[in-house]
N, C-alpha and C. Protein backbone atom coordinates (compact mmCIF):
# COMPACT_ATOMS: atom_id res chain seq x y z
N MET A 1 28.57 -40.42 52.50
CA MET A 1 29.87 -40.86 52.03
C MET A 1 30.84 -39.69 52.12
N SER A 2 32.07 -39.99 52.52
CA SER A 2 33.06 -38.93 52.67
C SER A 2 33.62 -38.49 51.32
N GLU A 3 34.24 -37.34 51.34
CA GLU A 3 34.84 -36.80 50.13
C GLU A 3 36.03 -37.65 49.70
N VAL A 4 36.25 -37.75 48.41
CA VAL A 4 37.35 -38.55 47.87
C VAL A 4 38.62 -37.71 47.86
N PHE A 5 39.65 -38.17 48.61
CA PHE A 5 40.93 -37.47 48.66
C PHE A 5 42.02 -38.22 47.90
N TYR A 6 42.00 -39.52 47.99
CA TYR A 6 43.04 -40.34 47.37
C TYR A 6 42.41 -41.32 46.40
N ILE A 7 42.90 -41.36 45.17
CA ILE A 7 42.37 -42.26 44.15
C ILE A 7 43.52 -43.08 43.61
N ASP A 8 43.27 -44.36 43.42
CA ASP A 8 44.31 -45.27 42.94
C ASP A 8 43.67 -46.36 42.10
N LEU A 9 44.48 -47.04 41.31
CA LEU A 9 44.00 -48.22 40.59
C LEU A 9 43.93 -49.37 41.57
N LEU A 10 42.85 -50.14 41.53
CA LEU A 10 42.67 -51.25 42.45
C LEU A 10 43.49 -52.45 41.98
N ILE A 11 44.28 -52.99 42.89
CA ILE A 11 45.12 -54.15 42.58
C ILE A 11 44.69 -55.31 43.45
N GLN A 12 44.46 -56.46 42.81
CA GLN A 12 44.15 -57.71 43.52
C GLN A 12 44.95 -58.83 42.88
N ASN A 13 45.51 -59.68 43.72
CA ASN A 13 46.33 -60.80 43.23
C ASN A 13 47.46 -60.32 42.33
N ASP A 14 48.12 -59.24 42.74
CA ASP A 14 49.27 -58.67 42.03
C ASP A 14 48.97 -58.22 40.61
N ASP A 15 47.73 -57.85 40.33
CA ASP A 15 47.37 -57.37 39.00
C ASP A 15 46.22 -56.37 39.14
N PHE A 16 46.04 -55.53 38.13
CA PHE A 16 44.93 -54.60 38.14
C PHE A 16 43.63 -55.35 38.03
N LEU A 17 42.63 -54.92 38.80
CA LEU A 17 41.30 -55.48 38.71
C LEU A 17 40.57 -54.74 37.60
N LEU A 18 40.05 -55.47 36.63
CA LEU A 18 39.37 -54.86 35.50
C LEU A 18 37.86 -55.03 35.63
N ASN A 19 37.12 -54.02 35.16
CA ASN A 19 35.65 -54.13 35.16
C ASN A 19 35.20 -54.87 33.91
N THR A 20 33.90 -54.93 33.68
CA THR A 20 33.38 -55.67 32.53
C THR A 20 33.78 -55.06 31.19
N GLY A 21 34.14 -53.79 31.19
CA GLY A 21 34.60 -53.13 29.97
C GLY A 21 36.11 -53.23 29.79
N GLN A 22 36.75 -54.08 30.62
CA GLN A 22 38.21 -54.29 30.58
C GLN A 22 38.98 -53.00 30.88
N GLU A 23 38.39 -52.15 31.71
CA GLU A 23 39.06 -50.94 32.18
C GLU A 23 39.41 -51.12 33.65
N PRO A 24 40.52 -50.56 34.10
CA PRO A 24 40.91 -50.72 35.51
C PRO A 24 39.88 -50.13 36.46
N GLU A 25 39.62 -50.88 37.54
CA GLU A 25 38.74 -50.39 38.61
C GLU A 25 39.55 -49.40 39.46
N LEU A 26 38.85 -48.47 40.06
CA LEU A 26 39.50 -47.50 40.94
C LEU A 26 39.14 -47.78 42.38
N CYS A 27 40.03 -47.39 43.28
CA CYS A 27 39.73 -47.42 44.70
C CYS A 27 40.05 -46.04 45.26
N ASN A 28 39.53 -45.74 46.44
CA ASN A 28 39.81 -44.43 47.00
C ASN A 28 39.91 -44.48 48.52
N ASN A 29 40.43 -43.41 49.07
CA ASN A 29 40.55 -43.16 50.50
C ASN A 29 41.11 -44.34 51.28
N ARG A 30 40.30 -44.99 52.12
CA ARG A 30 40.78 -46.07 53.00
C ARG A 30 41.42 -47.20 52.22
N GLN A 31 40.76 -47.65 51.17
CA GLN A 31 41.28 -48.76 50.38
C GLN A 31 42.59 -48.38 49.70
N SER A 32 42.69 -47.16 49.23
CA SER A 32 43.90 -46.68 48.58
C SER A 32 45.06 -46.61 49.58
N ILE A 33 44.80 -46.12 50.77
CA ILE A 33 45.84 -46.05 51.80
C ILE A 33 46.31 -47.45 52.18
N GLY A 34 45.37 -48.36 52.39
CA GLY A 34 45.73 -49.74 52.72
C GLY A 34 46.58 -50.38 51.63
N GLN A 35 46.21 -50.16 50.41
CA GLN A 35 46.94 -50.71 49.28
C GLN A 35 48.35 -50.10 49.21
N ASP A 36 48.47 -48.81 49.48
CA ASP A 36 49.78 -48.16 49.49
C ASP A 36 50.68 -48.72 50.58
N ILE A 37 50.10 -49.01 51.74
CA ILE A 37 50.87 -49.58 52.84
C ILE A 37 51.41 -50.96 52.46
N VAL A 38 50.57 -51.79 51.88
CA VAL A 38 51.00 -53.12 51.45
C VAL A 38 52.15 -53.02 50.45
N HIS A 39 52.03 -52.14 49.48
CA HIS A 39 53.08 -51.99 48.47
C HIS A 39 54.37 -51.44 49.08
N ALA A 40 54.25 -50.52 50.04
CA ALA A 40 55.45 -49.97 50.70
C ALA A 40 56.20 -51.07 51.43
N ILE A 41 55.47 -51.95 52.11
CA ILE A 41 56.09 -53.06 52.84
C ILE A 41 56.79 -54.00 51.87
N LEU A 42 56.11 -54.37 50.80
CA LEU A 42 56.71 -55.30 49.84
C LEU A 42 57.92 -54.69 49.15
N GLU A 43 57.85 -53.41 48.80
CA GLU A 43 58.95 -52.76 48.10
C GLU A 43 60.14 -52.45 49.01
N SER A 44 59.91 -52.40 50.32
CA SER A 44 60.99 -52.08 51.26
C SER A 44 61.99 -53.23 51.42
N GLY A 45 61.56 -54.44 51.10
CA GLY A 45 62.42 -55.60 51.29
C GLY A 45 62.34 -56.18 52.69
N LEU A 46 61.62 -55.54 53.58
CA LEU A 46 61.51 -56.03 54.96
C LEU A 46 60.75 -57.35 55.03
N ALA A 47 59.79 -57.54 54.16
CA ALA A 47 59.04 -58.80 54.14
C ALA A 47 59.97 -59.96 53.80
N THR A 48 60.88 -59.74 52.86
CA THR A 48 61.84 -60.77 52.48
C THR A 48 62.79 -61.06 53.64
N GLU A 49 63.23 -60.02 54.34
CA GLU A 49 64.09 -60.22 55.51
C GLU A 49 63.36 -61.04 56.57
N LEU A 50 62.09 -60.77 56.75
CA LEU A 50 61.32 -61.48 57.77
C LEU A 50 61.21 -62.97 57.45
N ILE A 51 61.02 -63.30 56.19
CA ILE A 51 60.93 -64.70 55.78
C ILE A 51 62.24 -65.42 56.08
N ALA A 52 63.35 -64.75 55.84
CA ALA A 52 64.66 -65.38 55.98
C ALA A 52 65.15 -65.46 57.42
N GLU A 53 64.58 -64.65 58.31
CA GLU A 53 65.10 -64.56 59.68
C GLU A 53 64.43 -65.55 60.62
N ARG A 54 65.24 -66.24 61.42
CA ARG A 54 64.70 -67.20 62.39
C ARG A 54 64.85 -66.73 63.83
N SER A 55 65.79 -65.85 64.08
CA SER A 55 66.03 -65.37 65.44
C SER A 55 64.84 -64.53 65.92
N PRO A 56 64.25 -64.88 67.07
CA PRO A 56 63.12 -64.10 67.58
C PRO A 56 63.48 -62.63 67.83
N THR A 57 64.69 -62.38 68.27
CA THR A 57 65.13 -61.01 68.54
C THR A 57 65.22 -60.20 67.25
N LEU A 58 65.83 -60.78 66.23
CA LEU A 58 65.97 -60.07 64.96
C LEU A 58 64.64 -59.95 64.24
N ARG A 59 63.75 -60.93 64.42
CA ARG A 59 62.40 -60.84 63.84
C ARG A 59 61.64 -59.68 64.49
N ALA A 60 61.78 -59.53 65.81
CA ALA A 60 61.13 -58.42 66.51
C ALA A 60 61.64 -57.08 65.99
N ASP A 61 62.94 -57.02 65.68
CA ASP A 61 63.52 -55.81 65.11
C ASP A 61 62.88 -55.50 63.76
N ILE A 62 62.67 -56.50 62.95
CA ILE A 62 62.05 -56.30 61.63
C ILE A 62 60.61 -55.81 61.80
N PHE A 63 59.89 -56.36 62.77
CA PHE A 63 58.52 -55.89 63.02
C PHE A 63 58.52 -54.42 63.43
N THR A 64 59.48 -54.02 64.24
CA THR A 64 59.59 -52.61 64.63
C THR A 64 59.88 -51.75 63.42
N ARG A 65 60.77 -52.18 62.56
CA ARG A 65 61.08 -51.44 61.33
C ARG A 65 59.85 -51.35 60.42
N LEU A 66 59.05 -52.41 60.37
CA LEU A 66 57.81 -52.37 59.59
C LEU A 66 56.84 -51.33 60.15
N GLU A 67 56.70 -51.31 61.47
CA GLU A 67 55.81 -50.33 62.09
C GLU A 67 56.28 -48.91 61.81
N LEU A 68 57.59 -48.67 61.90
CA LEU A 68 58.12 -47.34 61.61
C LEU A 68 57.92 -46.95 60.15
N LEU A 69 58.05 -47.93 59.26
CA LEU A 69 57.81 -47.67 57.84
C LEU A 69 56.38 -47.21 57.61
N VAL A 70 55.42 -47.92 58.19
CA VAL A 70 54.00 -47.56 58.01
C VAL A 70 53.71 -46.22 58.67
N GLU A 71 54.29 -45.97 59.85
CA GLU A 71 54.06 -44.70 60.53
C GLU A 71 54.65 -43.52 59.76
N GLY A 72 55.59 -43.79 58.86
CA GLY A 72 56.17 -42.73 58.04
C GLY A 72 55.21 -42.15 57.03
N ASP A 73 54.11 -42.84 56.77
CA ASP A 73 53.09 -42.32 55.86
C ASP A 73 52.35 -41.19 56.56
N GLU A 74 52.29 -40.03 55.94
CA GLU A 74 51.68 -38.85 56.57
C GLU A 74 50.18 -39.02 56.83
N ARG A 75 49.55 -39.98 56.21
CA ARG A 75 48.11 -40.19 56.40
C ARG A 75 47.80 -41.06 57.61
N ILE A 76 48.86 -41.63 58.24
CA ILE A 76 48.71 -42.52 59.38
C ILE A 76 49.01 -41.78 60.68
N VAL A 77 48.20 -42.03 61.71
CA VAL A 77 48.43 -41.45 63.03
C VAL A 77 49.60 -42.19 63.68
N PRO A 78 50.68 -41.48 64.02
CA PRO A 78 51.82 -42.15 64.66
C PRO A 78 51.42 -42.84 65.97
N GLY A 79 52.00 -44.00 66.21
CA GLY A 79 51.73 -44.74 67.43
C GLY A 79 50.54 -45.66 67.36
N THR A 80 49.84 -45.70 66.22
CA THR A 80 48.65 -46.54 66.11
C THR A 80 48.86 -47.79 65.26
N VAL A 81 50.07 -47.97 64.76
CA VAL A 81 50.35 -49.08 63.85
C VAL A 81 50.65 -50.36 64.62
N THR A 82 50.02 -51.44 64.19
CA THR A 82 50.30 -52.77 64.74
C THR A 82 50.55 -53.70 63.56
N VAL A 83 51.67 -54.40 63.61
CA VAL A 83 52.00 -55.40 62.59
C VAL A 83 52.09 -56.73 63.31
N SER A 84 51.28 -57.70 62.88
CA SER A 84 51.31 -59.02 63.49
C SER A 84 51.43 -60.09 62.41
N GLU A 85 51.88 -61.22 62.84
CA GLU A 85 52.08 -62.33 61.91
C GLU A 85 50.89 -63.27 62.02
N GLU A 86 50.08 -63.28 60.99
CA GLU A 86 48.92 -64.16 60.96
C GLU A 86 49.36 -65.60 60.72
N SER A 87 50.34 -65.77 59.84
CA SER A 87 50.96 -67.06 59.56
C SER A 87 52.36 -66.77 59.04
N ARG A 88 53.13 -67.79 58.75
CA ARG A 88 54.49 -67.58 58.24
C ARG A 88 54.48 -66.92 56.86
N SER A 89 53.34 -66.88 56.20
CA SER A 89 53.29 -66.29 54.87
C SER A 89 52.35 -65.09 54.77
N ARG A 90 51.86 -64.61 55.93
CA ARG A 90 50.93 -63.47 55.88
C ARG A 90 51.07 -62.58 57.12
N LEU A 91 51.22 -61.28 56.86
CA LEU A 91 51.24 -60.29 57.92
C LEU A 91 49.90 -59.57 57.94
N TRP A 92 49.55 -59.06 59.11
CA TRP A 92 48.33 -58.27 59.24
C TRP A 92 48.72 -56.92 59.82
N VAL A 93 48.39 -55.84 59.10
CA VAL A 93 48.74 -54.48 59.51
C VAL A 93 47.46 -53.73 59.85
N THR A 94 47.44 -53.11 61.03
CA THR A 94 46.32 -52.30 61.45
C THR A 94 46.85 -50.93 61.84
N ALA A 95 46.18 -49.88 61.41
CA ALA A 95 46.61 -48.52 61.73
C ALA A 95 45.41 -47.58 61.67
N GLU A 96 45.54 -46.47 62.35
CA GLU A 96 44.50 -45.45 62.30
C GLU A 96 44.94 -44.35 61.34
N THR A 97 44.04 -43.97 60.45
CA THR A 97 44.35 -42.90 59.51
C THR A 97 43.93 -41.56 60.11
N GLU A 98 44.49 -40.50 59.58
CA GLU A 98 44.15 -39.15 60.05
C GLU A 98 42.68 -38.81 59.77
N ALA A 99 42.15 -39.27 58.63
CA ALA A 99 40.82 -38.82 58.22
C ALA A 99 39.78 -39.92 58.05
N PHE A 100 40.18 -41.19 58.03
CA PHE A 100 39.24 -42.23 57.66
C PHE A 100 39.09 -43.36 58.67
N GLY A 101 39.59 -43.18 59.87
CA GLY A 101 39.46 -44.20 60.90
C GLY A 101 40.48 -45.31 60.76
N VAL A 102 40.17 -46.44 61.35
CA VAL A 102 41.10 -47.57 61.38
C VAL A 102 41.03 -48.35 60.07
N ILE A 103 42.20 -48.73 59.59
CA ILE A 103 42.29 -49.58 58.40
C ILE A 103 43.08 -50.83 58.76
N SER A 104 42.80 -51.90 58.04
CA SER A 104 43.53 -53.15 58.20
C SER A 104 43.87 -53.67 56.82
N ALA A 105 45.06 -54.25 56.71
CA ALA A 105 45.49 -54.79 55.42
C ALA A 105 46.33 -56.02 55.64
N GLY A 106 46.12 -57.02 54.79
CA GLY A 106 46.92 -58.23 54.84
C GLY A 106 48.04 -58.15 53.81
N VAL A 107 49.21 -58.63 54.20
CA VAL A 107 50.37 -58.63 53.30
C VAL A 107 50.81 -60.07 53.12
N MET A 108 50.71 -60.57 51.90
CA MET A 108 51.17 -61.92 51.60
C MET A 108 52.67 -61.89 51.35
N LEU A 109 53.40 -62.70 52.09
CA LEU A 109 54.86 -62.72 51.95
C LEU A 109 55.27 -63.66 50.84
């Protein structure tokens, strides 16, 4: 197992995941980076813009902005980010991290 560099509280269904002792579960490294990417996308407002936009050209622009947002994370290798639309209510983000390989994360819009 690799060394732990990033530690975060694990969030599922927009809430902290609690263990049997009602204490927050922790996540680290790959899972933490993926979770940070999802939150960055949601907090940026780009997901909301994507829902509202119908023009294919302007939607493509939003996807490019999403990729640039994710690439702005220092833990991500630039040029490796792919953002695709799984459905009208879910995005799929794939990127390569500097230290932990490829990660994938789903973003519910």
